[in-house]
Protein backbone atom coordinates (compact mmCIF):
# COMPACT_ATOMS: atom_id res chain seq x y z
CA MET A 1 81.46 156.27 112.08
CA ALA A 2 78.77 153.61 111.16
CA LEU A 3 79.77 149.73 110.26
CA ASP A 4 80.06 148.38 106.80
CA PHE A 5 78.28 144.96 106.43
CA ASP A 6 79.24 143.41 103.22
CA GLY A 7 76.11 141.04 102.56
CA THR A 8 78.19 138.26 102.98
CA ASP A 9 79.05 136.99 106.34
CA ASP A 10 79.59 140.31 108.42
CA PHE A 11 77.61 140.50 111.59
CA VAL A 12 77.81 141.55 115.41
CA VAL A 13 76.54 139.68 118.17
CA GLU A 14 75.42 140.24 121.82
CA GLU A 15 74.12 137.52 124.37
CA TYR A 16 71.46 138.79 127.26
CA PRO A 17 72.32 137.56 130.99
CA ALA A 18 68.32 136.58 131.12
CA THR A 19 65.17 136.38 128.64
CA VAL A 20 63.62 139.44 127.69
CA PRO A 21 60.00 139.69 127.79
CA TYR A 22 57.45 141.37 125.16
CA PRO A 23 56.80 144.55 124.46
CA ILE A 24 60.25 144.64 122.77
CA THR A 25 60.97 148.04 120.09
CA MET A 26 63.81 147.41 118.01
CA ALA A 27 65.37 150.51 115.77
CA CYS A 28 68.62 151.99 113.72
CA TRP A 29 70.18 153.76 110.92
CA PHE A 30 70.80 151.85 107.77
CA ASN A 31 71.83 152.62 104.54
CA SER A 32 71.59 149.94 102.25
CA ASP A 33 73.53 149.30 98.75
CA THR A 34 70.90 146.90 97.44
CA THR A 35 67.48 145.65 96.78
CA ASN A 36 68.15 142.57 95.02
CA ALA A 37 67.09 140.04 98.36
CA ASN A 38 65.65 140.40 102.06
CA ARG A 39 68.41 142.08 104.51
CA SER A 40 68.05 141.68 108.18
CA LEU A 41 69.10 144.62 110.17
CA MET A 42 68.38 143.49 113.62
CA SER A 43 67.07 140.27 114.92
CA PHE A 44 66.15 139.08 118.72
CA GLY A 45 66.02 135.39 118.63
CA GLU A 46 67.03 132.80 121.09
CA VAL A 47 70.59 131.25 121.13
CA SER A 48 69.27 127.75 122.56
CA ALA A 49 67.86 127.43 119.14
CA GLY A 50 71.80 127.21 117.66
CA VAL A 51 72.64 131.11 116.19
CA GLY A 52 74.63 130.57 113.19
CA SER A 53 73.16 126.81 112.40
CA GLY A 54 69.91 125.35 111.55
CA THR A 55 67.30 126.17 109.44
CA ASN A 56 66.20 129.78 108.90
CA ASN A 57 62.99 129.65 110.67
CA GLN A 58 64.03 129.78 113.99
CA ASN A 59 62.35 131.49 116.71
CA ALA A 60 63.18 135.14 116.34
CA LEU A 61 61.61 138.80 115.98
CA LEU A 62 63.07 140.76 112.72
CA LEU A 63 63.89 143.98 111.92
CA ARG A 64 64.09 143.57 108.13
CA LEU A 65 64.47 145.22 104.64
CA THR A 66 62.50 143.63 101.60
CA SER A 67 63.71 143.14 98.25
CA SER A 68 61.31 145.74 97.58
CA ALA A 69 62.60 148.16 99.50
CA LEU A 70 60.16 148.00 102.36
CA VAL A 71 60.52 147.68 105.91
CA GLU A 72 59.05 145.06 107.96
CA ALA A 73 58.76 143.68 111.32
CA ARG A 74 58.50 140.40 111.31
CA THR A 75 57.63 137.39 114.04
CA THR A 76 59.25 133.74 112.84
CA ALA A 77 58.82 130.86 113.99
CA SER A 78 59.14 127.26 112.61
CA ASN A 79 56.12 126.89 111.73
CA GLY A 80 55.80 130.09 109.69
CA SER A 81 55.54 133.75 110.30
CA ASN A 82 53.64 137.27 110.33
CA VAL A 83 54.64 140.65 109.14
CA ALA A 84 53.72 144.20 108.90
CA GLN A 85 55.06 145.81 106.09
CA THR A 86 55.71 149.59 105.15
CA THR A 87 53.78 151.13 102.18
CA ASN A 88 56.87 153.65 101.51
CA THR A 89 60.03 152.92 99.98
CA TYR A 90 63.68 153.11 101.07
CA SER A 91 66.34 154.80 98.58
CA LEU A 92 69.40 153.08 98.09
CA THR A 93 72.98 154.42 99.30
CA THR A 94 70.98 156.90 101.53
CA TRP A 95 70.42 157.07 105.12
CA HIS A 96 66.74 156.05 106.53
CA HIS A 97 65.93 155.03 109.87
CA ALA A 98 64.14 151.72 110.59
CA ALA A 99 62.15 150.61 113.54
CA ALA A 100 59.86 147.54 114.48
CA LYS A 101 57.03 147.58 117.64
CA PHE A 102 56.51 144.41 118.81
CA GLY A 103 53.81 144.76 121.57
CA SER A 104 52.63 141.04 122.00
CA THR A 105 52.74 137.59 120.23
CA THR A 106 49.73 139.45 118.15
CA ASN A 107 50.91 143.06 117.90
CA ARG A 108 53.47 144.51 115.26
CA GLN A 109 54.54 147.11 113.28
CA ALA A 110 56.90 148.35 110.85
CA PHE A 111 57.81 152.32 110.61
CA LEU A 112 60.43 154.10 107.54
CA ASP A 113 61.57 157.25 108.31
CA GLY A 114 59.10 157.55 111.25
CA SER A 115 56.36 156.93 109.17
CA PRO A 116 54.56 153.38 110.78
CA SER A 117 53.13 150.71 108.61
CA GLY A 118 49.72 149.39 109.76
CA ILE A 119 49.31 146.73 112.57
CA ASN A 120 49.80 143.29 112.00
CA THR A 121 47.66 141.43 114.24
CA ASN A 122 47.83 137.57 113.92
CA ALA A 123 49.01 135.18 116.38
CA ARG A 124 52.64 133.90 116.36
CA GLY A 125 53.69 132.17 119.99
CA LEU A 126 56.28 133.01 120.49
CA THR A 127 57.08 134.00 124.43
CA ASN A 128 59.74 135.09 126.09
CA VAL A 129 62.43 133.59 124.14
CA PHE A 130 64.78 136.36 123.23
CA ASP A 131 67.97 136.45 124.93
CA THR A 132 70.17 136.96 121.57
CA GLN A 133 70.89 140.26 119.79
CA ILE A 134 72.18 139.98 116.53
CA LEU A 135 72.96 143.17 113.94
CA GLY A 136 73.26 142.52 110.50
CA ARG A 137 71.67 139.20 109.99
CA GLY A 138 69.20 136.81 110.50
CA PRO A 139 69.33 134.32 113.46
CA GLY A 140 68.86 130.88 111.87
CA GLY A 141 70.86 129.59 108.97
CA THR A 142 74.41 129.89 108.73
CA TYR A 143 76.28 133.35 109.28
CA ALA A 144 76.48 133.52 105.47
CA SER A 145 72.90 132.29 104.50
CA ASP A 146 70.74 134.28 106.90
CA ASN A 147 69.94 137.46 105.03
CA PRO A 148 72.82 139.38 105.58
CA MET A 149 73.02 142.72 105.57
CA ASN A 150 74.67 144.40 102.46
CA GLY A 151 75.30 148.15 103.53
CA ARG A 152 75.87 150.23 106.64
CA ILE A 153 74.28 150.19 109.96
CA ALA A 154 74.59 153.20 113.17
CA GLU A 155 72.90 153.72 116.33
CA ALA A 156 70.91 150.32 116.61
CA ALA A 157 68.94 149.95 119.94
CA VAL A 158 66.28 148.05 121.90
CA TRP A 159 63.76 149.29 124.32
CA ASN A 160 61.73 147.05 126.52
CA ALA A 161 58.98 148.51 125.52
CA SER A 162 56.36 149.58 122.98
CA LEU A 163 57.57 152.82 121.90
CA THR A 164 54.97 155.61 120.93
CA ASN A 165 54.72 156.55 117.44
CA ASP A 166 55.71 160.11 118.50
CA GLU A 167 58.94 159.04 120.24
CA ILE A 168 59.71 156.44 116.97
CA ASP A 169 59.41 159.77 115.01
CA SER A 170 61.69 161.70 117.03
CA LEU A 171 64.25 158.86 116.50
CA ALA A 172 63.87 159.27 112.65
CA THR A 173 64.50 162.90 113.24
CA GLY A 174 67.71 162.51 114.96
CA VAL A 175 67.01 162.18 118.45
CA SER A 176 69.81 159.97 120.35
CA PRO A 177 68.16 157.17 121.98
CA ARG A 178 69.71 157.59 124.54
CA LEU A 179 67.15 160.38 124.97
CA VAL A 180 64.21 158.25 124.50
CA ARG A 181 62.48 156.02 127.27
CA PRO A 182 66.38 155.72 129.03
CA GLY A 183 64.73 153.30 131.35
CA SER A 184 63.61 151.21 128.99
CA LEU A 185 66.78 151.01 127.10
CA ILE A 186 68.05 147.72 127.26
CA PHE A 187 70.90 147.30 124.09
CA TYR A 188 72.44 150.87 122.72
CA THR A 189 75.48 150.44 120.19
CA PRO A 190 76.27 153.74 117.90
CA LEU A 191 78.70 151.56 116.17
CA ILE A 192 81.04 154.30 115.73
CA ARG A 193 84.14 152.21 114.99
CA SER A 194 83.05 149.07 117.13
CA ALA A 195 80.24 147.48 118.34
CA SER A 196 80.16 148.61 122.17
CA ASP A 197 76.89 148.56 124.13
CA TYR A 198 76.36 151.68 125.80
CA SER A 199 74.01 149.69 128.07
CA GLY A 200 76.72 147.98 129.09
CA GLY A 201 76.66 144.46 127.67
CA ALA A 202 79.67 143.00 125.66
CA THR A 203 78.83 141.98 121.83
CA THR A 204 81.10 139.77 119.20
CA THR A 205 82.25 141.36 115.96
CA THR A 206 83.03 139.17 113.16
CA GLY A 207 83.56 141.08 109.56
CA THR A 208 82.50 144.75 108.82
CA THR A 209 84.71 147.88 107.95
CA VAL A 210 84.40 151.63 109.19
CA ALA A 211 82.42 153.96 107.47
CA ILE A 212 80.79 157.40 107.42
CA HIS A 213 78.18 157.68 110.32
CA PRO A 214 74.69 159.40 109.25
CA ARG A 215 74.29 162.62 110.72
CA ARG A 216 72.16 163.13 114.06
CA ILE A 217 71.47 164.99 116.75
CA GLY A 218 73.19 164.39 120.27
C-alpha cells in the first residue's frame, strides 16, 4: 500500500540529527491526480528556516512535478531558484518513477522513468543546510500552501551520493532502493500503510490515506 496525499494539507516530515552535505539523490514512485499546478513529491530543507511557516523560498532541494506534467530538480533559496526539467511528460492516474540528483551547488538533474534531463549548472549557493525531509509538499509557506501533492507516493528514498544514471534507471524498472548503493542510503520509506523509515529515523505524518502500492521488484 502507498500513501495518498490530498493536495491540500497532507505531508510526512523527518528531521535529521545533523545536516547532510552534497551530493544528494532523491527518488520515489508517484501517481498524480492532476496537472493543474506544481506539486512537490519530496523536499530537503532546513528546519531552522521554519518548516511550515514563512515564505515559499526557503533554502531547499526539491523533487517536483510541474503543471506541464514534467519532473524537475529544483534548488531554491530566498534569492531565487535553478531548475533542471525532463522533456518527457508523465500521465495522470499512472504510476511513474521520479528522481532528482544534486551533485553540488552548480549541478542538478531530473529523471522521469529513468530518462534524464539535461544538467543545470547555474550556481545557487546552498551548502550543508539540509536537515529536514518532507514528502508531499515543499518546505516553505504553510503546510496547506506550498505545492502539496495531489496523488500517491511510494518507495521514497534519499542517498547521500550522486547515483549513476544506470542506478536510477534500475530504480525505475522496479529495483528496491535498499538494493541500490545501500551504504549511502540515508532515508527509505516504502510508505506501506505508514511512513516508517527503514533507515532508522522517526517520521511525523499528518493526513494521508492508504492506497494501492505500485508493483515493483523487491
